[in-house]
Amino acid sequence: MKTNLPVNVASAICYLPFVGWIAAIVFLIIESEKTVRYNAIQALLVDLAMVVAPPVLAVTVILIPLVPIAWIGFLILNIVLAIKTYRGETIKLPVAEKWANLVLEKLNMTTAKK
């Protein structure tokens, strides 16, 4: 199945702050375009880091002041990624790229078997 959205628009929607994770899950399920699926996985990984990192920082009393800075940093990262992917640029975040490629390989293997 495929959406009628252009690749750059669908990819950018995945990075939208606060609601992009929902679009990323939907596009990961229904979209067949590899670029959109890659950006959906990468967006989900960034959002997961946004949820996990602040509580990890808050565990150490000394690092509690960094929690709001981490939230603002992730918000800015999501906005920058949305703008750049809308412009058609391919953004590959160092750690997220490896994980996204692994997930894409697994998804391609499972869909090929069906």
PDB file of N, CA and C in Angstrom:
ATOM      1  N   MET A   1       0.849  -1.167   0.000  1.00  0.00           N
ATOM      2  CA  MET A   1       0.000   0.000   0.000  1.00  0.00           C
ATOM      3  C   MET A   1       0.900   1.237   0.000  1.00  0.00           C
ATOM      4  N   LYS A   2       0.401   2.302  -0.534  1.00  0.00           N
ATOM      5  CA  LYS A   2       1.183   3.522  -0.627  1.00  0.00           C
ATOM      6  C   LYS A   2       0.267   4.726  -0.435  1.00  0.00           C
ATOM      7  N   THR A   3       0.788   5.729   0.247  1.00  0.00           N
ATOM      8  CA  THR A   3       0.033   6.979   0.392  1.00  0.00           C
ATOM      9  C   THR A   3       0.251   7.826  -0.855  1.00  0.00           C
ATOM     10  N   ASN A   4      -0.553   8.821  -1.034  1.00  0.00           N
ATOM     11  CA  ASN A   4      -0.427   9.706  -2.191  1.00  0.00           C
ATOM     12  C   ASN A   4       0.437  10.922  -1.898  1.00  0.00           C
ATOM     13  N   LEU A   5       1.076  10.949  -0.748  1.00  0.00           N
ATOM     14  CA  LEU A   5       1.922  12.087  -0.379  1.00  0.00           C
ATOM     15  C   LEU A   5       3.276  11.981  -1.084  1.00  0.00           C
ATOM     16  N   PRO A   6       3.855  13.129  -1.454  1.00  0.00           N
ATOM     17  CA  PRO A   6       5.223  13.096  -1.968  1.00  0.00           C
ATOM     18  C   PRO A   6       6.172  12.573  -0.889  1.00  0.00           C
ATOM     19  N   VAL A   7       7.278  11.990  -1.308  1.00  0.00           N
ATOM     20  CA  VAL A   7       8.226  11.376  -0.373  1.00  0.00           C
ATOM     21  C   VAL A   7       8.734  12.389   0.642  1.00  0.00           C
ATOM     22  N   ASN A   8       9.062  13.599   0.184  1.00  0.00           N
ATOM     23  CA  ASN A   8       9.615  14.587   1.120  1.00  0.00           C
ATOM     24  C   ASN A   8       8.590  15.037   2.160  1.00  0.00           C
ATOM     25  N   VAL A   9       7.338  15.125   1.783  1.00  0.00           N
ATOM     26  CA  VAL A   9       6.291  15.538   2.721  1.00  0.00           C
ATOM     27  C   VAL A   9       6.037  14.438   3.752  1.00  0.00           C
ATOM     28  N   ALA A  10       5.904  13.210   3.289  1.00  0.00           N
ATOM     29  CA  ALA A  10       5.666  12.095   4.207  1.00  0.00           C
ATOM     30  C   ALA A  10       6.835  11.926   5.179  1.00  0.00           C
ATOM     31  N   SER A  11       8.058  12.083   4.670  1.00  0.00           N
ATOM     32  CA  SER A  11       9.226  11.962   5.541  1.00  0.00           C
ATOM     33  C   SER A  11       9.274  13.081   6.569  1.00  0.00           C
ATOM     34  N   ALA A  12       8.951  14.298   6.158  1.00  0.00           N
ATOM     35  CA  ALA A  12       8.986  15.439   7.078  1.00  0.00           C
ATOM     36  C   ALA A  12       7.925  15.315   8.170  1.00  0.00           C
ATOM     37  N   ILE A  13       6.768  14.787   7.827  1.00  0.00           N
ATOM     38  CA  ILE A  13       5.690  14.633   8.808  1.00  0.00           C
ATOM     39  C   ILE A  13       6.133  13.722   9.958  1.00  0.00           C
ATOM     40  N   CYS A  14       6.958  12.747   9.666  1.00  0.00           N
ATOM     41  CA  CYS A  14       7.431  11.821  10.704  1.00  0.00           C
ATOM     42  C   CYS A  14       8.235  12.530  11.792  1.00  0.00           C
ATOM     43  N   TYR A  15       8.870  13.634  11.440  1.00  0.00           N
ATOM     44  CA  TYR A  15       9.719  14.343  12.394  1.00  0.00           C
ATOM     45  C   TYR A  15       9.000  15.471  13.136  1.00  0.00           C
ATOM     46  N   LEU A  16       7.744  15.707  12.848  1.00  0.00           N
ATOM     47  CA  LEU A  16       7.041  16.795  13.522  1.00  0.00           C
ATOM     48  C   LEU A  16       7.020  16.573  15.034  1.00  0.00           C
ATOM     49  N   PRO A  17       7.332  17.605  15.792  1.00  0.00           N
ATOM     50  CA  PRO A  17       7.326  17.451  17.249  1.00  0.00           C
ATOM     51  C   PRO A  17       5.939  17.095  17.789  1.00  0.00           C
ATOM     52  N   PHE A  18       5.913  16.214  18.752  1.00  0.00           N
ATOM     53  CA  PHE A  18       4.730  15.805  19.520  1.00  0.00           C
ATOM     54  C   PHE A  18       3.765  14.882  18.770  1.00  0.00           C
ATOM     55  N   VAL A  19       3.612  14.996  17.471  1.00  0.00           N
ATOM     56  CA  VAL A  19       2.671  14.144  16.732  1.00  0.00           C
ATOM     57  C   VAL A  19       3.348  13.300  15.658  1.00  0.00           C
ATOM     58  N   GLY A  20       4.610  13.559  15.406  1.00  0.00           N
ATOM     59  CA  GLY A  20       5.317  12.848  14.348  1.00  0.00           C
ATOM     60  C   GLY A  20       5.434  11.352  14.585  1.00  0.00           C
ATOM     61  N   TRP A  21       5.493  10.953  15.846  1.00  0.00           N
ATOM     62  CA  TRP A  21       5.635   9.527  16.138  1.00  0.00           C
ATOM     63  C   TRP A  21       4.407   8.746  15.680  1.00  0.00           C
ATOM     64  N   ILE A  22       3.247   9.374  15.744  1.00  0.00           N
ATOM     65  CA  ILE A  22       2.029   8.704  15.282  1.00  0.00           C
ATOM     66  C   ILE A  22       2.093   8.512  13.764  1.00  0.00           C
ATOM     67  N   ALA A  23       2.464   9.578  13.061  1.00  0.00           N
ATOM     68  CA  ALA A  23       2.604   9.490  11.605  1.00  0.00           C
ATOM     69  C   ALA A  23       3.687   8.493  11.225  1.00  0.00           C
ATOM     70  N   ALA A  24       4.779   8.462  11.989  1.00  0.00           N
ATOM     71  CA  ALA A  24       5.870   7.531  11.692  1.00  0.00           C
ATOM     72  C   ALA A  24       5.393   6.082  11.786  1.00  0.00           C
ATOM     73  N   ILE A  25       4.613   5.775  12.799  1.00  0.00           N
ATOM     74  CA  ILE A  25       4.087   4.405  12.937  1.00  0.00           C
ATOM     75  C   ILE A  25       3.153   4.077  11.784  1.00  0.00           C
ATOM     76  N   VAL A  26       2.279   5.014  11.431  1.00  0.00           N
ATOM     77  CA  VAL A  26       1.339   4.789  10.321  1.00  0.00           C
ATOM     78  C   VAL A  26       2.096   4.579   9.010  1.00  0.00           C
ATOM     79  N   PHE A  27       3.069   5.460   8.726  1.00  0.00           N
ATOM     80  CA  PHE A  27       3.833   5.327   7.487  1.00  0.00           C
ATOM     81  C   PHE A  27       4.670   4.051   7.477  1.00  0.00           C
ATOM     82  N   LEU A  28       5.159   3.650   8.607  1.00  0.00           N
ATOM     83  CA  LEU A  28       5.938   2.412   8.682  1.00  0.00           C
ATOM     84  C   LEU A  28       5.074   1.209   8.329  1.00  0.00           C
ATOM     85  N   ILE A  29       3.807   1.265   8.692  1.00  0.00           N
ATOM     86  CA  ILE A  29       2.887   0.157   8.410  1.00  0.00           C
ATOM     87  C   ILE A  29       2.380   0.174   6.972  1.00  0.00           C
ATOM     88  N   ILE A  30       1.974   1.352   6.478  1.00  0.00           N
ATOM     89  CA  ILE A  30       1.284   1.363   5.184  1.00  0.00           C
ATOM     90  C   ILE A  30       2.141   1.804   4.002  1.00  0.00           C
ATOM     91  N   GLU A  31       3.243   2.474   4.252  1.00  0.00           N
ATOM     92  CA  GLU A  31       4.035   3.023   3.146  1.00  0.00           C
ATOM     93  C   GLU A  31       5.021   1.984   2.620  1.00  0.00           C
ATOM     94  N   SER A  32       5.143   1.915   1.305  1.00  0.00           N
ATOM     95  CA  SER A  32       6.078   0.967   0.693  1.00  0.00           C
ATOM     96  C   SER A  32       7.362   1.650   0.225  1.00  0.00           C
ATOM     97  N   GLU A  33       7.376   2.976   0.178  1.00  0.00           N
ATOM     98  CA  GLU A  33       8.564   3.723  -0.246  1.00  0.00           C
ATOM     99  C   GLU A  33       9.663   3.589   0.808  1.00  0.00           C
ATOM    100  N   LYS A  34      10.843   3.145   0.378  1.00  0.00           N
ATOM    101  CA  LYS A  34      11.932   2.863   1.303  1.00  0.00           C
ATOM    102  C   LYS A  34      12.416   4.119   2.039  1.00  0.00           C
ATOM    103  N   THR A  35      12.464   5.251   1.359  1.00  0.00           N
ATOM    104  CA  THR A  35      12.928   6.494   1.987  1.00  0.00           C
ATOM    105  C   THR A  35      11.999   6.930   3.113  1.00  0.00           C
ATOM    106  N   VAL A  36      10.709   6.820   2.881  1.00  0.00           N
ATOM    107  CA  VAL A  36       9.739   7.203   3.916  1.00  0.00           C
ATOM    108  C   VAL A  36       9.844   6.251   5.101  1.00  0.00           C
ATOM    109  N   ARG A  37       9.979   4.972   4.831  1.00  0.00           N
ATOM    110  CA  ARG A  37      10.102   3.999   5.924  1.00  0.00           C
ATOM    111  C   ARG A  37      11.379   4.238   6.728  1.00  0.00           C
ATOM    112  N   TYR A  38      12.473   4.550   6.036  1.00  0.00           N
ATOM    113  CA  TYR A  38      13.738   4.845   6.721  1.00  0.00           C
ATOM    114  C   TYR A  38      13.569   6.055   7.647  1.00  0.00           C
ATOM    115  N   ASN A  39      12.974   7.126   7.119  1.00  0.00           N
ATOM    116  CA  ASN A  39      12.770   8.324   7.940  1.00  0.00           C
ATOM    117  C   ASN A  39      11.792   8.068   9.081  1.00  0.00           C
ATOM    118  N   ALA A  40      10.803   7.210   8.863  1.00  0.00           N
ATOM    119  CA  ALA A  40       9.863   6.876   9.933  1.00  0.00           C
ATOM    120  C   ALA A  40      10.579   6.152  11.072  1.00  0.00           C
ATOM    121  N   ILE A  41      11.444   5.215  10.724  1.00  0.00           N
ATOM    122  CA  ILE A  41      12.185   4.486  11.757  1.00  0.00           C
ATOM    123  C   ILE A  41      13.131   5.424  12.492  1.00  0.00           C
ATOM    124  N   GLN A  42      13.846   6.244  11.738  1.00  0.00           N
ATOM    125  CA  GLN A  42      14.792   7.170  12.354  1.00  0.00           C
ATOM    126  C   GLN A  42      14.060   8.168  13.259  1.00  0.00           C
ATOM    127  N   ALA A  43      12.899   8.635  12.829  1.00  0.00           N
ATOM    128  CA  ALA A  43      12.106   9.567  13.651  1.00  0.00           C
ATOM    129  C   ALA A  43      11.649   8.888  14.943  1.00  0.00           C
ATOM    130  N   LEU A  44      11.237   7.635  14.839  1.00  0.00           N
ATOM    131  CA  LEU A  44      10.823   6.907  16.051  1.00  0.00           C
ATOM    132  C   LEU A  44      11.993   6.730  17.013  1.00  0.00           C
ATOM    133  N   LEU A  45      13.180   6.485  16.485  1.00  0.00           N
ATOM    134  CA  LEU A  45      14.355   6.344  17.342  1.00  0.00           C
ATOM    135  C   LEU A  45      14.708   7.663  18.030  1.00  0.00           C
ATOM    136  N   VAL A  46      14.588   8.769  17.311  1.00  0.00           N
ATOM    137  CA  VAL A  46      14.835  10.085  17.917  1.00  0.00           C
ATOM    138  C   VAL A  46      13.800  10.359  19.002  1.00  0.00           C
ATOM    139  N   ASP A  47      12.545  10.044  18.727  1.00  0.00           N
ATOM    140  CA  ASP A  47      11.497  10.262  19.723  1.00  0.00           C
ATOM    141  C   ASP A  47      11.688   9.358  20.946  1.00  0.00           C
ATOM    142  N   LEU A  48      12.140   8.143  20.716  1.00  0.00           N
ATOM    143  CA  LEU A  48      12.426   7.241  21.832  1.00  0.00           C
ATOM    144  C   LEU A  48      13.551   7.809  22.698  1.00  0.00           C
ATOM    145  N   ALA A  49      14.582   8.330  22.057  1.00  0.00           N
ATOM    146  CA  ALA A  49      15.679   8.947  22.809  1.00  0.00           C
ATOM    147  C   ALA A  49      15.184  10.157  23.587  1.00  0.00           C
ATOM    148  N   MET A  50      14.223  10.881  23.009  1.00  0.00           N
ATOM    149  CA  MET A  50      13.667  12.055  23.681  1.00  0.00           C
ATOM    150  C   MET A  50      12.893  11.653  24.941  1.00  0.00           C
ATOM    151  N   VAL A  51      12.321  10.483  24.928  1.00  0.00           N
ATOM    152  CA  VAL A  51      11.566  10.010  26.089  1.00  0.00           C
ATOM    153  C   VAL A  51      12.501   9.405  27.137  1.00  0.00           C
ATOM    154  N   VAL A  52      13.559   8.734  26.691  1.00  0.00           N
ATOM    155  CA  VAL A  52      14.437   8.005  27.607  1.00  0.00           C
ATOM    156  C   VAL A  52      15.517   8.897  28.226  1.00  0.00           C
ATOM    157  N   ALA A  53      16.102   9.788  27.453  1.00  0.00           N
ATOM    158  CA  ALA A  53      17.252  10.566  27.929  1.00  0.00           C
ATOM    159  C   ALA A  53      16.958  11.456  29.143  1.00  0.00           C
ATOM    160  N   PRO A  54      15.902  12.248  29.149  1.00  0.00           N
ATOM    161  CA  PRO A  54      15.684  13.116  30.322  1.00  0.00           C
ATOM    162  C   PRO A  54      15.535  12.371  31.656  1.00  0.00           C
ATOM    163  N   PRO A  55      14.769  11.278  31.725  1.00  0.00           N
ATOM    164  CA  PRO A  55      14.719  10.573  33.009  1.00  0.00           C
ATOM    165  C   PRO A  55      16.071   9.975  33.422  1.00  0.00           C
ATOM    166  N   VAL A  56      16.862   9.565  32.431  1.00  0.00           N
ATOM    167  CA  VAL A  56      18.191   9.040  32.755  1.00  0.00           C
ATOM    168  C   VAL A  56      19.058  10.152  33.336  1.00  0.00           C
ATOM    169  N   LEU A  57      18.962  11.344  32.760  1.00  0.00           N
ATOM    170  CA  LEU A  57      19.700  12.481  33.306  1.00  0.00           C
ATOM    171  C   LEU A  57      19.204  12.849  34.701  1.00  0.00           C
ATOM    172  N   ALA A  58      17.912  12.703  34.926  1.00  0.00           N
ATOM    173  CA  ALA A  58      17.317  13.095  36.204  1.00  0.00           C
ATOM    174  C   ALA A  58      17.683  12.146  37.343  1.00  0.00           C
ATOM    175  N   VAL A  59      18.153  10.958  37.013  1.00  0.00           N
ATOM    176  CA  VAL A  59      18.525   9.999  38.054  1.00  0.00           C
ATOM    177  C   VAL A  59      19.666  10.559  38.898  1.00  0.00           C
ATOM    178  N   THR A  60      20.596  11.209  38.240  1.00  0.00           N
ATOM    179  CA  THR A  60      21.698  11.830  38.966  1.00  0.00           C
ATOM    180  C   THR A  60      21.290  13.244  39.346  1.00  0.00           C
ATOM    181  N   VAL A  61      21.346  13.546  40.608  1.00  0.00           N
ATOM    182  CA  VAL A  61      20.900  14.843  41.108  1.00  0.00           C
ATOM    183  C   VAL A  61      21.685  15.980  40.459  1.00  0.00           C
ATOM    184  N   ILE A  62      22.935  15.751  40.183  1.00  0.00           N
ATOM    185  CA  ILE A  62      23.790  16.791  39.597  1.00  0.00           C
ATOM    186  C   ILE A  62      23.325  17.141  38.185  1.00  0.00           C
ATOM    187  N   LEU A  63      22.776  16.172  37.450  1.00  0.00           N
ATOM    188  CA  LEU A  63      22.401  16.386  36.054  1.00  0.00           C
ATOM    189  C   LEU A  63      20.948  16.830  35.866  1.00  0.00           C
ATOM    190  N   ILE A  64      20.184  17.005  36.928  1.00  0.00           N
ATOM    191  CA  ILE A  64      18.781  17.417  36.811  1.00  0.00           C
ATOM    192  C   ILE A  64      18.627  18.723  36.028  1.00  0.00           C
ATOM    193  N   PRO A  65      19.512  19.715  36.201  1.00  0.00           N
ATOM    194  CA  PRO A  65      19.357  20.943  35.401  1.00  0.00           C
ATOM    195  C   PRO A  65      19.481  20.711  33.889  1.00  0.00           C
ATOM    196  N   LEU A  66      20.063  19.604  33.470  1.00  0.00           N
ATOM    197  CA  LEU A  66      20.215  19.324  32.041  1.00  0.00           C
ATOM    198  C   LEU A  66      18.940  18.781  31.393  1.00  0.00           C
ATOM    199  N   VAL A  67      17.967  18.382  32.193  1.00  0.00           N
ATOM    200  CA  VAL A  67      16.736  17.800  31.643  1.00  0.00           C
ATOM    201  C   VAL A  67      16.006  18.780  30.723  1.00  0.00           C
ATOM    202  N   PRO A  68      15.737  20.024  31.147  1.00  0.00           N
ATOM    203  CA  PRO A  68      15.066  20.945  30.215  1.00  0.00           C
ATOM    204  C   PRO A  68      15.901  21.241  28.974  1.00  0.00           C
ATOM    205  N   ILE A  69      17.216  21.285  29.142  1.00  0.00           N
ATOM    206  CA  ILE A  69      18.093  21.517  27.990  1.00  0.00           C
ATOM    207  C   ILE A  69      17.999  20.344  27.013  1.00  0.00           C
ATOM    208  N   ALA A  70      17.911  19.131  27.535  1.00  0.00           N
ATOM    209  CA  ALA A  70      17.770  17.950  26.667  1.00  0.00           C
ATOM    210  C   ALA A  70      16.450  18.002  25.909  1.00  0.00           C
ATOM    211  N   TRP A  71      15.367  18.368  26.582  1.00  0.00           N
ATOM    212  CA  TRP A  71      14.064  18.474  25.913  1.00  0.00           C
ATOM    213  C   TRP A  71      14.095  19.510  24.792  1.00  0.00           C
ATOM    214  N   ILE A  72      14.676  20.657  25.085  1.00  0.00           N
ATOM    215  CA  ILE A  72      14.767  21.716  24.078  1.00  0.00           C
ATOM    216  C   ILE A  72      15.654  21.262  22.916  1.00  0.00           C
ATOM    217  N   GLY A  73      16.729  20.569  23.235  1.00  0.00           N
ATOM    218  CA  GLY A  73      17.620  20.058  22.192  1.00  0.00           C
ATOM    219  C   GLY A  73      16.910  19.075  21.272  1.00  0.00           C
ATOM    220  N   PHE A  74      16.141  18.164  21.838  1.00  0.00           N
ATOM    221  CA  PHE A  74      15.395  17.201  21.013  1.00  0.00           C
ATOM    222  C   PHE A  74      14.311  17.889  20.190  1.00  0.00           C
ATOM    223  N   LEU A  75      13.669  18.897  20.757  1.00  0.00           N
ATOM    224  CA  LEU A  75      12.655  19.656  20.022  1.00  0.00           C
ATOM    225  C   LEU A  75      13.284  20.357  18.809  1.00  0.00           C
ATOM    226  N   ILE A  76      14.423  20.998  19.028  1.00  0.00           N
ATOM    227  CA  ILE A  76      15.129  21.666  17.930  1.00  0.00           C
ATOM    228  C   ILE A  76      15.584  20.644  16.892  1.00  0.00           C
ATOM    229  N   LEU A  77      16.097  19.501  17.344  1.00  0.00           N
ATOM    230  CA  LEU A  77      16.526  18.450  16.413  1.00  0.00           C
ATOM    231  C   LEU A  77      15.363  17.986  15.544  1.00  0.00           C
ATOM    232  N   ASN A  78      14.196  17.767  16.140  1.00  0.00           N
ATOM    233  CA  ASN A  78      13.024  17.346  15.361  1.00  0.00           C
ATOM    234  C   ASN A  78      12.629  18.393  14.330  1.00  0.00           C
ATOM    235  N   ILE A  79      12.656  19.647  14.703  1.00  0.00           N
ATOM    236  CA  ILE A  79      12.288  20.719  13.773  1.00  0.00           C
ATOM    237  C   ILE A  79      13.286  20.787  12.617  1.00  0.00           C
ATOM    238  N   VAL A  80      14.575  20.719  12.933  1.00  0.00           N
ATOM    239  CA  VAL A  80      15.607  20.767  11.891  1.00  0.00           C
ATOM    240  C   VAL A  80      15.478  19.572  10.950  1.00  0.00           C
ATOM    241  N   LEU A  81      15.259  18.390  11.503  1.00  0.00           N
ATOM    242  CA  LEU A  81      15.103  17.196  10.662  1.00  0.00           C
ATOM    243  C   LEU A  81      13.872  17.296   9.778  1.00  0.00           C
ATOM    244  N   ALA A  82      12.783  17.836  10.302  1.00  0.00           N
ATOM    245  CA  ALA A  82      11.566  17.998   9.497  1.00  0.00           C
ATOM    246  C   ALA A  82      11.812  18.952   8.335  1.00  0.00           C
ATOM    247  N   ILE A  83      12.480  20.057   8.601  1.00  0.00           N
ATOM    248  CA  ILE A  83      12.747  21.040   7.545  1.00  0.00           C
ATOM    249  C   ILE A  83      13.682  20.463   6.490  1.00  0.00           C
ATOM    250  N   LYS A  84      14.744  19.814   6.937  1.00  0.00           N
ATOM    251  CA  LYS A  84      15.715  19.278   5.981  1.00  0.00           C
ATOM    252  C   LYS A  84      15.128  18.156   5.122  1.00  0.00           C
ATOM    253  N   THR A  85      14.337  17.284   5.720  1.00  0.00           N
ATOM    254  CA  THR A  85      13.740  16.218   4.907  1.00  0.00           C
ATOM    255  C   THR A  85      12.674  16.776   3.971  1.00  0.00           C
ATOM    256  N   TYR A  86      11.991  17.831   4.377  1.00  0.00           N
ATOM    257  CA  TYR A  86      11.024  18.463   3.486  1.00  0.00           C
ATOM    258  C   TYR A  86      11.730  19.049   2.263  1.00  0.00           C
ATOM    259  N   ARG A  87      12.927  19.550   2.464  1.00  0.00           N
ATOM    260  CA  ARG A  87      13.718  20.091   1.351  1.00  0.00           C
ATOM    261  C   ARG A  87      14.312  18.996   0.470  1.00  0.00           C
ATOM    262  N   GLY A  88      14.158  17.746   0.880  1.00  0.00           N
ATOM    263  CA  GLY A  88      14.649  16.633   0.071  1.00  0.00           C
ATOM    264  C   GLY A  88      16.027  16.129   0.467  1.00  0.00           C
ATOM    265  N   GLU A  89      16.587  16.663   1.539  1.00  0.00           N
ATOM    266  CA  GLU A  89      17.893  16.212   1.998  1.00  0.00           C
ATOM    267  C   GLU A  89      17.755  14.888   2.749  1.00  0.00           C
ATOM    268  N   THR A  90      18.758  14.041   2.606  1.00  0.00           N
ATOM    269  CA  THR A  90      18.779  12.788   3.341  1.00  0.00           C
ATOM    270  C   THR A  90      19.632  12.987   4.582  1.00  0.00           C
ATOM    271  N   ILE A  91      19.016  12.851   5.729  1.00  0.00           N
ATOM    272  CA  ILE A  91      19.705  13.033   6.999  1.00  0.00           C
ATOM    273  C   ILE A  91      19.962  11.657   7.597  1.00  0.00           C
ATOM    274  N   LYS A  92      21.227  11.418   7.923  1.00  0.00           N
ATOM    275  CA  LYS A  92      21.585  10.144   8.533  1.00  0.00           C
ATOM    276  C   LYS A  92      22.265  10.428   9.868  1.00  0.00           C
ATOM    277  N   LEU A  93      21.520  10.214  10.936  1.00  0.00           N
ATOM    278  CA  LEU A  93      22.068  10.391  12.273  1.00  0.00           C
ATOM    279  C   LEU A  93      22.943   9.184  12.594  1.00  0.00           C
ATOM    280  N   PRO A  94      24.121   9.382  13.186  1.00  0.00           N
ATOM    281  CA  PRO A  94      25.099   8.300  13.333  1.00  0.00           C
ATOM    282  C   PRO A  94      24.563   6.994  13.924  1.00  0.00           C
ATOM    283  N   VAL A  95      23.991   7.023  15.102  1.00  0.00           N
ATOM    284  CA  VAL A  95      23.526   5.780  15.724  1.00  0.00           C
ATOM    285  C   VAL A  95      22.184   5.343  15.150  1.00  0.00           C
ATOM    286  N   ALA A  96      21.305   6.296  14.928  1.00  0.00           N
ATOM    287  CA  ALA A  96      19.968   5.979  14.429  1.00  0.00           C
ATOM    288  C   ALA A  96      20.020   5.378  13.031  1.00  0.00           C
ATOM    289  N   GLU A  97      20.996   5.775  12.220  1.00  0.00           N
ATOM    290  CA  GLU A  97      21.115   5.228  10.867  1.00  0.00           C
ATOM    291  C   GLU A  97      21.349   3.724  10.894  1.00  0.00           C
ATOM    292  N   LYS A  98      22.225   3.277  11.767  1.00  0.00           N
ATOM    293  CA  LYS A  98      22.520   1.840  11.859  1.00  0.00           C
ATOM    294  C   LYS A  98      21.277   1.056  12.282  1.00  0.00           C
ATOM    295  N   TRP A  99      20.589   1.571  13.293  1.00  0.00           N
ATOM    296  CA  TRP A  99      19.380   0.894  13.767  1.00  0.00           C
ATOM    297  C   TRP A  99      18.291   0.911  12.706  1.00  0.00           C
ATOM    298  N   ALA A 100      18.140   2.036  12.022  1.00  0.00           N
ATOM    299  CA  ALA A 100      17.107   2.145  10.984  1.00  0.00           C
ATOM    300  C   ALA A 100      17.375   1.160   9.856  1.00  0.00           C
ATOM    301  N   ASN A 101      18.635   1.039   9.461  1.00  0.00           N
ATOM    302  CA  ASN A 101      18.969   0.076   8.405  1.00  0.00           C
ATOM    303  C   ASN A 101      18.718  -1.356   8.853  1.00  0.00           C
ATOM    304  N   LEU A 102      19.014  -1.663  10.106  1.00  0.00           N
ATOM    305  CA  LEU A 102      18.740  -3.008  10.629  1.00  0.00           C
ATOM    306  C   LEU A 102      17.242  -3.316  10.606  1.00  0.00           C
ATOM    307  N   VAL A 103      16.451  -2.361  11.039  1.00  0.00           N
ATOM    308  CA  VAL A 103      14.998  -2.564  11.056  1.00  0.00           C
ATOM    309  C   VAL A 103      14.466  -2.714   9.639  1.00  0.00           C
ATOM    310  N   LEU A 104      14.958  -1.891   8.712  1.00  0.00           N
ATOM    311  CA  LEU A 104      14.516  -2.000   7.319  1.00  0.00           C
ATOM    312  C   LEU A 104      14.852  -3.370   6.733  1.00  0.00           C
ATOM    313  N   GLU A 105      16.044  -3.879   7.042  1.00  0.00           N
ATOM    314  CA  GLU A 105      16.422  -5.214   6.564  1.00  0.00           C
ATOM    315  C   GLU A 105      15.471  -6.271   7.115  1.00  0.00           C
ATOM    316  N   LYS A 106      15.159  -6.182   8.398  1.00  0.00           N
ATOM    317  CA  LYS A 106      14.242  -7.148   9.015  1.00  0.00           C
ATOM    318  C   LYS A 106      12.847  -7.046   8.405  1.00  0.00           C
ATOM    319  N   LEU A 107      12.379  -5.813   8.186  1.00  0.00           N
ATOM    320  CA  LEU A 107      11.054  -5.628   7.599  1.00  0.00           C
ATOM    321  C   LEU A 107      11.011  -6.158   6.171  1.00  0.00           C
ATOM    322  N   ASN A 108      12.074  -5.938   5.414  1.00  0.00           N
ATOM    323  CA  ASN A 108      12.109  -6.431   4.040  1.00  0.00           C
ATOM    324  C   ASN A 108      12.144  -7.949   3.995  1.00  0.00           C
ATOM    325  N   MET A 109      12.835  -8.567   4.958  1.00  0.00           N
ATOM    326  CA  MET A 109      12.870 -10.029   4.995  1.00  0.00           C
ATOM    327  C   MET A 109      11.510 -10.609   5.350  1.00  0.00           C
ATOM    328  N   THR A 110      10.821  -9.973   6.298  1.00  0.00           N
ATOM    329  CA  THR A 110       9.523 -10.514   6.711  1.00  0.00           C
ATOM    330  C   THR A 110       8.463 -10.271   5.638  1.00  0.00           C
ATOM    331  N   THR A 111       8.545  -9.153   4.942  1.00  0.00           N
ATOM    332  CA  THR A 111       7.551  -8.912   3.893  1.00  0.00           C
ATOM    333  C   THR A 111       7.844  -9.752   2.660  1.00  0.00           C
ATOM    334  N   ALA A 112       9.107 -10.104   2.442  1.00  0.00           N
ATOM    335  CA  ALA A 112       9.441 -10.935   1.286  1.00  0.00           C
ATOM    336  C   ALA A 112       8.961 -12.374   1.478  1.00  0.00           C
ATOM    337  N   LYS A 113       8.890 -12.833   2.719  1.00  0.00           N
ATOM    338  CA  LYS A 113       8.469 -14.199   2.996  1.00  0.00           C
ATOM    339  C   LYS A 113       6.967 -14.374   2.818  1.00  0.00           C
ATOM    340  N   LYS A 114       6.200 -13.314   2.956  1.00  0.00           N
ATOM    341  CA  LYS A 114       4.740 -13.426   2.900  1.00  0.00           C
ATOM    342  C   LYS A 114       4.241 -13.666   1.521  1.00  0.00           C
TER     343      LYS A 114
END
